[in-house]
Amino acid sequence: MELNEKKFALAAAKVMGIWYVLCAAFVALAPEVGLRLFGWMVHLVNLESVVNAGVTATGFFVGLVELVALAYATAWAFAWFYNRSLRR
């Protein structure tokens, strides 16, 4: 069964957009905890000295657009490679 690249990519982009909104809300409500969790996720020991945790309107929207675009491109490429592997 082949995947429709555009539909698969759009679904993945929507899911990542929802995750991004939830993450931004969490960081806005509890920036210290969000910073600590992110530091653990990217294997940094002391992220506090490097980053000022906070959410701005501009940062939120630019990050949302960036993440959705990257998720779309990644999912489209995944579906394309998957479909190509089925044909061999």
PDB file of N, CA and C in Angstrom:
ATOM      1  N   MET A   1       0.842  -1.172   0.000  1.00  0.00           N
ATOM      2  CA  MET A   1       0.000   0.000   0.000  1.00  0.00           C
ATOM      3  C   MET A   1       0.893   1.243   0.000  1.00  0.00           C
ATOM      4  N   GLU A   2       0.726   2.064  -1.006  1.00  0.00           N
ATOM      5  CA  GLU A   2       1.506   3.295  -1.088  1.00  0.00           C
ATOM      6  C   GLU A   2       0.877   4.392  -0.240  1.00  0.00           C
ATOM      7  N   LEU A   3       1.729   5.292   0.228  1.00  0.00           N
ATOM      8  CA  LEU A   3       1.272   6.461   0.977  1.00  0.00           C
ATOM      9  C   LEU A   3       1.130   7.638   0.026  1.00  0.00           C
ATOM     10  N   ASN A   4       0.095   8.424   0.218  1.00  0.00           N
ATOM     11  CA  ASN A   4      -0.032   9.683  -0.507  1.00  0.00           C
ATOM     12  C   ASN A   4       0.896  10.675   0.183  1.00  0.00           C
ATOM     13  N   GLU A   5       1.957  11.076  -0.523  1.00  0.00           N
ATOM     14  CA  GLU A   5       2.987  11.908   0.099  1.00  0.00           C
ATOM     15  C   GLU A   5       2.421  13.194   0.685  1.00  0.00           C
ATOM     16  N   LYS A   6       1.569  13.872  -0.074  1.00  0.00           N
ATOM     17  CA  LYS A   6       1.044  15.164   0.380  1.00  0.00           C
ATOM     18  C   LYS A   6       0.127  15.009   1.591  1.00  0.00           C
ATOM     19  N   LYS A   7      -0.744  14.010   1.567  1.00  0.00           N
ATOM     20  CA  LYS A   7      -1.659  13.813   2.697  1.00  0.00           C
ATOM     21  C   LYS A   7      -0.911  13.362   3.948  1.00  0.00           C
ATOM     22  N   PHE A   8       0.050  12.473   3.773  1.00  0.00           N
ATOM     23  CA  PHE A   8       0.850  12.014   4.906  1.00  0.00           C
ATOM     24  C   PHE A   8       1.635  13.171   5.508  1.00  0.00           C
ATOM     25  N   ALA A   9       2.253  13.970   4.638  1.00  0.00           N
ATOM     26  CA  ALA A   9       3.044  15.111   5.104  1.00  0.00           C
ATOM     27  C   ALA A   9       2.166  16.142   5.802  1.00  0.00           C
ATOM     28  N   LEU A  10       0.981  16.402   5.273  1.00  0.00           N
ATOM     29  CA  LEU A  10       0.074  17.365   5.895  1.00  0.00           C
ATOM     30  C   LEU A  10      -0.382  16.873   7.268  1.00  0.00           C
ATOM     31  N   ALA A  11      -0.679  15.592   7.386  1.00  0.00           N
ATOM     32  CA  ALA A  11      -1.086  15.036   8.682  1.00  0.00           C
ATOM     33  C   ALA A  11       0.046  15.161   9.701  1.00  0.00           C
ATOM     34  N   ALA A  12       1.265  14.852   9.292  1.00  0.00           N
ATOM     35  CA  ALA A  12       2.406  14.967  10.205  1.00  0.00           C
ATOM     36  C   ALA A  12       2.641  16.417  10.600  1.00  0.00           C
ATOM     37  N   ALA A  13       2.509  17.336   9.648  1.00  0.00           N
ATOM     38  CA  ALA A  13       2.703  18.755   9.945  1.00  0.00           C
ATOM     39  C   ALA A  13       1.650  19.255  10.932  1.00  0.00           C
ATOM     40  N   LYS A  14       0.419  18.798  10.786  1.00  0.00           N
ATOM     41  CA  LYS A  14      -0.643  19.189  11.725  1.00  0.00           C
ATOM     42  C   LYS A  14      -0.336  18.680  13.138  1.00  0.00           C
ATOM     43  N   VAL A  15       0.084  17.433  13.234  1.00  0.00           N
ATOM     44  CA  VAL A  15       0.405  16.863  14.547  1.00  0.00           C
ATOM     45  C   VAL A  15       1.557  17.629  15.191  1.00  0.00           C
ATOM     46  N   MET A  16       2.599  17.935  14.431  1.00  0.00           N
ATOM     47  CA  MET A  16       3.734  18.683  14.982  1.00  0.00           C
ATOM     48  C   MET A  16       3.321  20.092  15.377  1.00  0.00           C
ATOM     49  N   GLY A  17       2.406  20.699  14.617  1.00  0.00           N
ATOM     50  CA  GLY A  17       1.901  22.019  14.982  1.00  0.00           C
ATOM     51  C   GLY A  17       1.176  21.993  16.318  1.00  0.00           C
ATOM     52  N   ILE A  18       0.384  20.963  16.533  1.00  0.00           N
ATOM     53  CA  ILE A  18      -0.327  20.817  17.808  1.00  0.00           C
ATOM     54  C   ILE A  18       0.668  20.624  18.951  1.00  0.00           C
ATOM     55  N   TRP A  19       1.670  19.761  18.746  1.00  0.00           N
ATOM     56  CA  TRP A  19       2.696  19.559  19.774  1.00  0.00           C
ATOM     57  C   TRP A  19       3.417  20.861  20.089  1.00  0.00           C
ATOM     58  N   TYR A  20       3.700  21.650  19.051  1.00  0.00           N
ATOM     59  CA  TYR A  20       4.412  22.912  19.246  1.00  0.00           C
ATOM     60  C   TYR A  20       3.590  23.875  20.096  1.00  0.00           C
ATOM     61  N   VAL A  21       2.296  23.987  19.806  1.00  0.00           N
ATOM     62  CA  VAL A  21       1.423  24.876  20.579  1.00  0.00           C
ATOM     63  C   VAL A  21       1.379  24.431  22.038  1.00  0.00           C
ATOM     64  N   LEU A  22       1.251  23.133  22.271  1.00  0.00           N
ATOM     65  CA  LEU A  22       1.231  22.619  23.642  1.00  0.00           C
ATOM     66  C   LEU A  22       2.560  22.885  24.353  1.00  0.00           C
ATOM     67  N   CYS A  23       3.662  22.698  23.657  1.00  0.00           N
ATOM     68  CA  CYS A  23       4.983  22.941  24.242  1.00  0.00           C
ATOM     69  C   CYS A  23       5.160  24.422  24.576  1.00  0.00           C
ATOM     70  N   ALA A  24       4.760  25.305  23.663  1.00  0.00           N
ATOM     71  CA  ALA A  24       4.890  26.747  23.905  1.00  0.00           C
ATOM     72  C   ALA A  24       4.047  27.175  25.098  1.00  0.00           C
ATOM     73  N   ALA A  25       2.850  26.620  25.218  1.00  0.00           N
ATOM     74  CA  ALA A  25       1.999  26.945  26.362  1.00  0.00           C
ATOM     75  C   ALA A  25       2.660  26.480  27.658  1.00  0.00           C
ATOM     76  N   PHE A  26       3.237  25.305  27.635  1.00  0.00           N
ATOM     77  CA  PHE A  26       3.919  24.775  28.815  1.00  0.00           C
ATOM     78  C   PHE A  26       5.092  25.664  29.208  1.00  0.00           C
ATOM     79  N   VAL A  27       5.896  26.080  28.232  1.00  0.00           N
ATOM     80  CA  VAL A  27       7.054  26.935  28.518  1.00  0.00           C
ATOM     81  C   VAL A  27       6.601  28.298  29.020  1.00  0.00           C
ATOM     82  N   ALA A  28       5.495  28.814  28.481  1.00  0.00           N
ATOM     83  CA  ALA A  28       4.984  30.108  28.939  1.00  0.00           C
ATOM     84  C   ALA A  28       4.515  30.028  30.389  1.00  0.00           C
ATOM     85  N   LEU A  29       3.935  28.894  30.768  1.00  0.00           N
ATOM     86  CA  LEU A  29       3.412  28.737  32.125  1.00  0.00           C
ATOM     87  C   LEU A  29       4.482  28.317  33.136  1.00  0.00           C
ATOM     88  N   ALA A  30       5.454  27.547  32.694  1.00  0.00           N
ATOM     89  CA  ALA A  30       6.500  27.047  33.602  1.00  0.00           C
ATOM     90  C   ALA A  30       7.848  27.057  32.882  1.00  0.00           C
ATOM     91  N   PRO A  31       8.431  28.240  32.654  1.00  0.00           N
ATOM     92  CA  PRO A  31       9.666  28.312  31.861  1.00  0.00           C
ATOM     93  C   PRO A  31      10.845  27.544  32.449  1.00  0.00           C
ATOM     94  N   GLU A  32      10.990  27.524  33.754  1.00  0.00           N
ATOM     95  CA  GLU A  32      12.121  26.820  34.352  1.00  0.00           C
ATOM     96  C   GLU A  32      12.031  25.315  34.117  1.00  0.00           C
ATOM     97  N   VAL A  33      10.836  24.781  34.286  1.00  0.00           N
ATOM     98  CA  VAL A  33      10.641  23.345  34.065  1.00  0.00           C
ATOM     99  C   VAL A  33      10.834  23.019  32.588  1.00  0.00           C
ATOM    100  N   GLY A  34      10.281  23.852  31.709  1.00  0.00           N
ATOM    101  CA  GLY A  34      10.446  23.640  30.274  1.00  0.00           C
ATOM    102  C   GLY A  34      11.899  23.658  29.856  1.00  0.00           C
ATOM    103  N   LEU A  35      12.660  24.577  30.405  1.00  0.00           N
ATOM    104  CA  LEU A  35      14.084  24.671  30.103  1.00  0.00           C
ATOM    105  C   LEU A  35      14.829  23.433  30.589  1.00  0.00           C
ATOM    106  N   ARG A  36      14.498  22.968  31.761  1.00  0.00           N
ATOM    107  CA  ARG A  36      15.141  21.766  32.305  1.00  0.00           C
ATOM    108  C   ARG A  36      14.813  20.545  31.443  1.00  0.00           C
ATOM    109  N   LEU A  37      13.541  20.385  31.069  1.00  0.00           N
ATOM    110  CA  LEU A  37      13.150  19.248  30.234  1.00  0.00           C
ATOM    111  C   LEU A  37      13.849  19.288  28.878  1.00  0.00           C
ATOM    112  N   PHE A  38      13.928  20.484  28.277  1.00  0.00           N
ATOM    113  CA  PHE A  38      14.605  20.610  26.989  1.00  0.00           C
ATOM    114  C   PHE A  38      16.089  20.288  27.126  1.00  0.00           C
ATOM    115  N   GLY A  39      16.698  20.742  28.204  1.00  0.00           N
ATOM    116  CA  GLY A  39      18.105  20.433  28.444  1.00  0.00           C
ATOM    117  C   GLY A  39      18.352  18.940  28.528  1.00  0.00           C
ATOM    118  N   TRP A  40      17.469  18.224  29.185  1.00  0.00           N
ATOM    119  CA  TRP A  40      17.602  16.768  29.268  1.00  0.00           C
ATOM    120  C   TRP A  40      17.428  16.136  27.891  1.00  0.00           C
ATOM    121  N   MET A  41      16.490  16.665  27.122  1.00  0.00           N
ATOM    122  CA  MET A  41      16.187  16.087  25.817  1.00  0.00           C
ATOM    123  C   MET A  41      17.367  16.220  24.854  1.00  0.00           C
ATOM    124  N   VAL A  42      18.100  17.329  24.933  1.00  0.00           N
ATOM    125  CA  VAL A  42      19.225  17.535  24.018  1.00  0.00           C
ATOM    126  C   VAL A  42      20.570  17.276  24.698  1.00  0.00           C
ATOM    127  N   HIS A  43      20.546  16.620  25.840  1.00  0.00           N
ATOM    128  CA  HIS A  43      21.740  16.168  26.556  1.00  0.00           C
ATOM    129  C   HIS A  43      22.654  17.307  27.003  1.00  0.00           C
ATOM    130  N   LEU A  44      22.069  18.411  27.396  1.00  0.00           N
ATOM    131  CA  LEU A  44      22.857  19.515  27.933  1.00  0.00           C
ATOM    132  C   LEU A  44      22.768  19.504  29.449  1.00  0.00           C
ATOM    133  N   VAL A  45      23.872  19.738  30.098  1.00  0.00           N
ATOM    134  CA  VAL A  45      23.907  19.698  31.552  1.00  0.00           C
ATOM    135  C   VAL A  45      23.384  20.994  32.147  1.00  0.00           C
ATOM    136  N   ASN A  46      23.867  22.145  31.681  1.00  0.00           N
ATOM    137  CA  ASN A  46      23.464  23.427  32.249  1.00  0.00           C
ATOM    138  C   ASN A  46      23.006  24.366  31.141  1.00  0.00           C
ATOM    139  N   LEU A  47      21.784  24.227  30.723  1.00  0.00           N
ATOM    140  CA  LEU A  47      21.231  25.043  29.648  1.00  0.00           C
ATOM    141  C   LEU A  47      20.863  26.435  30.128  1.00  0.00           C
ATOM    142  N   GLU A  48      20.665  26.611  31.431  1.00  0.00           N
ATOM    143  CA  GLU A  48      20.251  27.906  31.966  1.00  0.00           C
ATOM    144  C   GLU A  48      21.245  29.015  31.646  1.00  0.00           C
ATOM    145  N   SER A  49      22.528  28.697  31.598  1.00  0.00           N
ATOM    146  CA  SER A  49      23.538  29.718  31.331  1.00  0.00           C
ATOM    147  C   SER A  49      23.583  30.129  29.865  1.00  0.00           C
ATOM    148  N   VAL A  50      22.949  29.365  28.992  1.00  0.00           N
ATOM    149  CA  VAL A  50      23.002  29.633  27.559  1.00  0.00           C
ATOM    150  C   VAL A  50      21.723  30.277  27.041  1.00  0.00           C
ATOM    151  N   VAL A  51      20.584  29.890  27.576  1.00  0.00           N
ATOM    152  CA  VAL A  51      19.296  30.281  27.015  1.00  0.00           C
ATOM    153  C   VAL A  51      18.441  30.972  28.063  1.00  0.00           C
ATOM    154  N   ASN A  52      17.718  31.980  27.628  1.00  0.00           N
ATOM    155  CA  ASN A  52      16.712  32.627  28.468  1.00  0.00           C
ATOM    156  C   ASN A  52      15.356  32.061  28.060  1.00  0.00           C
ATOM    157  N   ALA A  53      14.772  31.243  28.908  1.00  0.00           N
ATOM    158  CA  ALA A  53      13.509  30.594  28.574  1.00  0.00           C
ATOM    159  C   ALA A  53      12.378  31.603  28.603  1.00  0.00           C
ATOM    160  N   GLY A  54      11.581  31.580  27.588  1.00  0.00           N
ATOM    161  CA  GLY A  54      10.433  32.460  27.510  1.00  0.00           C
ATOM    162  C   GLY A  54       9.791  32.347  26.143  1.00  0.00           C
ATOM    163  N   VAL A  55       8.551  32.766  26.038  1.00  0.00           N
ATOM    164  CA  VAL A  55       7.816  32.698  24.785  1.00  0.00           C
ATOM    165  C   VAL A  55       7.363  34.099  24.421  1.00  0.00           C
ATOM    166  N   THR A  56       7.754  34.551  23.224  1.00  0.00           N
ATOM    167  CA  THR A  56       7.262  35.820  22.698  1.00  0.00           C
ATOM    168  C   THR A  56       6.307  35.511  21.555  1.00  0.00           C
ATOM    169  N   ALA A  57       5.466  36.461  21.204  1.00  0.00           N
ATOM    170  CA  ALA A  57       4.517  36.249  20.107  1.00  0.00           C
ATOM    171  C   ALA A  57       5.259  35.982  18.801  1.00  0.00           C
ATOM    172  N   THR A  58       6.279  36.782  18.529  1.00  0.00           N
ATOM    173  CA  THR A  58       7.049  36.595  17.294  1.00  0.00           C
ATOM    174  C   THR A  58       7.750  35.246  17.290  1.00  0.00           C
ATOM    175  N   GLY A  59       8.401  34.916  18.389  1.00  0.00           N
ATOM    176  CA  GLY A  59       9.085  33.633  18.488  1.00  0.00           C
ATOM    177  C   GLY A  59       8.129  32.466  18.341  1.00  0.00           C
ATOM    178  N   PHE A  60       6.939  32.599  18.918  1.00  0.00           N
ATOM    179  CA  PHE A  60       5.942  31.534  18.823  1.00  0.00           C
ATOM    180  C   PHE A  60       5.551  31.284  17.373  1.00  0.00           C
ATOM    181  N   PHE A  61       5.182  32.345  16.643  1.00  0.00           N
ATOM    182  CA  PHE A  61       4.701  32.172  15.275  1.00  0.00           C
ATOM    183  C   PHE A  61       5.812  31.764  14.310  1.00  0.00           C
ATOM    184  N   VAL A  62       6.996  32.331  14.462  1.00  0.00           N
ATOM    185  CA  VAL A  62       8.112  31.936  13.596  1.00  0.00           C
ATOM    186  C   VAL A  62       8.482  30.479  13.856  1.00  0.00           C
ATOM    187  N   GLY A  63       8.545  30.092  15.109  1.00  0.00           N
ATOM    188  CA  GLY A  63       8.846  28.705  15.451  1.00  0.00           C
ATOM    189  C   GLY A  63       7.786  27.741  14.947  1.00  0.00           C
ATOM    190  N   LEU A  64       6.526  28.144  15.042  1.00  0.00           N
ATOM    191  CA  LEU A  64       5.431  27.297  14.562  1.00  0.00           C
ATOM    192  C   LEU A  64       5.542  27.070  13.060  1.00  0.00           C
ATOM    193  N   VAL A  65       5.761  28.144  12.314  1.00  0.00           N
ATOM    194  CA  VAL A  65       5.895  28.019  10.856  1.00  0.00           C
ATOM    195  C   VAL A  65       7.104  27.149  10.502  1.00  0.00           C
ATOM    196  N   GLU A  66       8.213  27.386  11.176  1.00  0.00           N
ATOM    197  CA  GLU A  66       9.425  26.610  10.915  1.00  0.00           C
ATOM    198  C   GLU A  66       9.212  25.128  11.205  1.00  0.00           C
ATOM    199  N   LEU A  67       8.631  24.816  12.345  1.00  0.00           N
ATOM    200  CA  LEU A  67       8.430  23.421  12.728  1.00  0.00           C
ATOM    201  C   LEU A  67       7.453  22.715  11.798  1.00  0.00           C
ATOM    202  N   VAL A  68       6.361  23.382  11.440  1.00  0.00           N
ATOM    203  CA  VAL A  68       5.372  22.771  10.548  1.00  0.00           C
ATOM    204  C   VAL A  68       5.992  22.525   9.169  1.00  0.00           C
ATOM    205  N   ALA A  69       6.767  23.484   8.661  1.00  0.00           N
ATOM    206  CA  ALA A  69       7.415  23.309   7.358  1.00  0.00           C
ATOM    207  C   ALA A  69       8.419  22.153   7.392  1.00  0.00           C
ATOM    208  N   LEU A  70       9.211  22.075   8.444  1.00  0.00           N
ATOM    209  CA  LEU A  70      10.181  20.980   8.560  1.00  0.00           C
ATOM    210  C   LEU A  70       9.486  19.628   8.719  1.00  0.00           C
ATOM    211  N   ALA A  71       8.407  19.590   9.485  1.00  0.00           N
ATOM    212  CA  ALA A  71       7.665  18.338   9.652  1.00  0.00           C
ATOM    213  C   ALA A  71       7.054  17.900   8.326  1.00  0.00           C
ATOM    214  N   TYR A  72       6.515  18.852   7.566  1.00  0.00           N
ATOM    215  CA  TYR A  72       5.921  18.536   6.262  1.00  0.00           C
ATOM    216  C   TYR A  72       6.984  17.969   5.326  1.00  0.00           C
ATOM    217  N   ALA A  73       8.117  18.657   5.225  1.00  0.00           N
ATOM    218  CA  ALA A  73       9.178  18.211   4.322  1.00  0.00           C
ATOM    219  C   ALA A  73       9.714  16.838   4.729  1.00  0.00           C
ATOM    220  N   THR A  74       9.891  16.624   6.016  1.00  0.00           N
ATOM    221  CA  THR A  74      10.399  15.345   6.504  1.00  0.00           C
ATOM    222  C   THR A  74       9.414  14.217   6.225  1.00  0.00           C
ATOM    223  N   ALA A  75       8.136  14.448   6.501  1.00  0.00           N
ATOM    224  CA  ALA A  75       7.123  13.413   6.282  1.00  0.00           C
ATOM    225  C   ALA A  75       6.944  13.129   4.794  1.00  0.00           C
ATOM    226  N   TRP A  76       7.003  14.167   3.964  1.00  0.00           N
ATOM    227  CA  TRP A  76       6.886  13.965   2.521  1.00  0.00           C
ATOM    228  C   TRP A  76       8.042  13.098   2.027  1.00  0.00           C
ATOM    229  N   ALA A  77       9.256  13.407   2.470  1.00  0.00           N
ATOM    230  CA  ALA A  77      10.421  12.624   2.065  1.00  0.00           C
ATOM    231  C   ALA A  77      10.309  11.182   2.568  1.00  0.00           C
ATOM    232  N   PHE A  78       9.831  11.009   3.793  1.00  0.00           N
ATOM    233  CA  PHE A  78       9.639   9.670   4.338  1.00  0.00           C
ATOM    234  C   PHE A  78       8.673   8.880   3.459  1.00  0.00           C
ATOM    235  N   ALA A  79       7.525   9.473   3.116  1.00  0.00           N
ATOM    236  CA  ALA A  79       6.528   8.788   2.291  1.00  0.00           C
ATOM    237  C   ALA A  79       7.093   8.483   0.903  1.00  0.00           C
ATOM    238  N   TRP A  80       7.850   9.422   0.343  1.00  0.00           N
ATOM    239  CA  TRP A  80       8.435   9.211  -0.979  1.00  0.00           C
ATOM    240  C   TRP A  80       9.400   8.031  -0.955  1.00  0.00           C
ATOM    241  N   PHE A  81      10.299   7.997   0.036  1.00  0.00           N
ATOM    242  CA  PHE A  81      11.243   6.889   0.149  1.00  0.00           C
ATOM    243  C   PHE A  81      10.522   5.571   0.431  1.00  0.00           C
ATOM    244  N   TYR A  82       9.495   5.622   1.253  1.00  0.00           N
ATOM    245  CA  TYR A  82       8.718   4.419   1.555  1.00  0.00           C
ATOM    246  C   TYR A  82       8.076   3.873   0.279  1.00  0.00           C
ATOM    247  N   ASN A  83       7.406   4.749  -0.472  1.00  0.00           N
ATOM    248  CA  ASN A  83       6.758   4.320  -1.715  1.00  0.00           C
ATOM    249  C   ASN A  83       7.783   3.786  -2.713  1.00  0.00           C
ATOM    250  N   ARG A  84       8.925   4.409  -2.779  1.00  0.00           N
ATOM    251  CA  ARG A  84       9.973   3.960  -3.696  1.00  0.00           C
ATOM    252  C   ARG A  84      10.464   2.565  -3.309  1.00  0.00           C
ATOM    253  N   SER A  85      10.566   2.296  -2.003  1.00  0.00           N
ATOM    254  CA  SER A  85      11.033   0.977  -1.566  1.00  0.00           C
ATOM    255  C   SER A  85      10.021  -0.117  -1.892  1.00  0.00           C
ATOM    256  N   LEU A  86       8.738   0.232  -1.989  1.00  0.00           N
ATOM    257  CA  LEU A  86       7.719  -0.759  -2.326  1.00  0.00           C
ATOM    258  C   LEU A  86       7.821  -1.204  -3.778  1.00  0.00           C
ATOM    259  N   ARG A  87       8.323  -0.340  -4.628  1.00  0.00           N
ATOM    260  CA  ARG A  87       8.390  -0.626  -6.066  1.00  0.00           C
ATOM    261  C   ARG A  87       9.573  -1.515  -6.431  1.00  0.00           C
ATOM    262  N   ARG A  88      10.478  -1.745  -5.503  1.00  0.00           N
ATOM    263  CA  ARG A  88      11.675  -2.552  -5.815  1.00  0.00           C
ATOM    264  C   ARG A  88      11.482  -3.989  -5.488  1.00  0.00           C
TER     265      ARG A  88
END
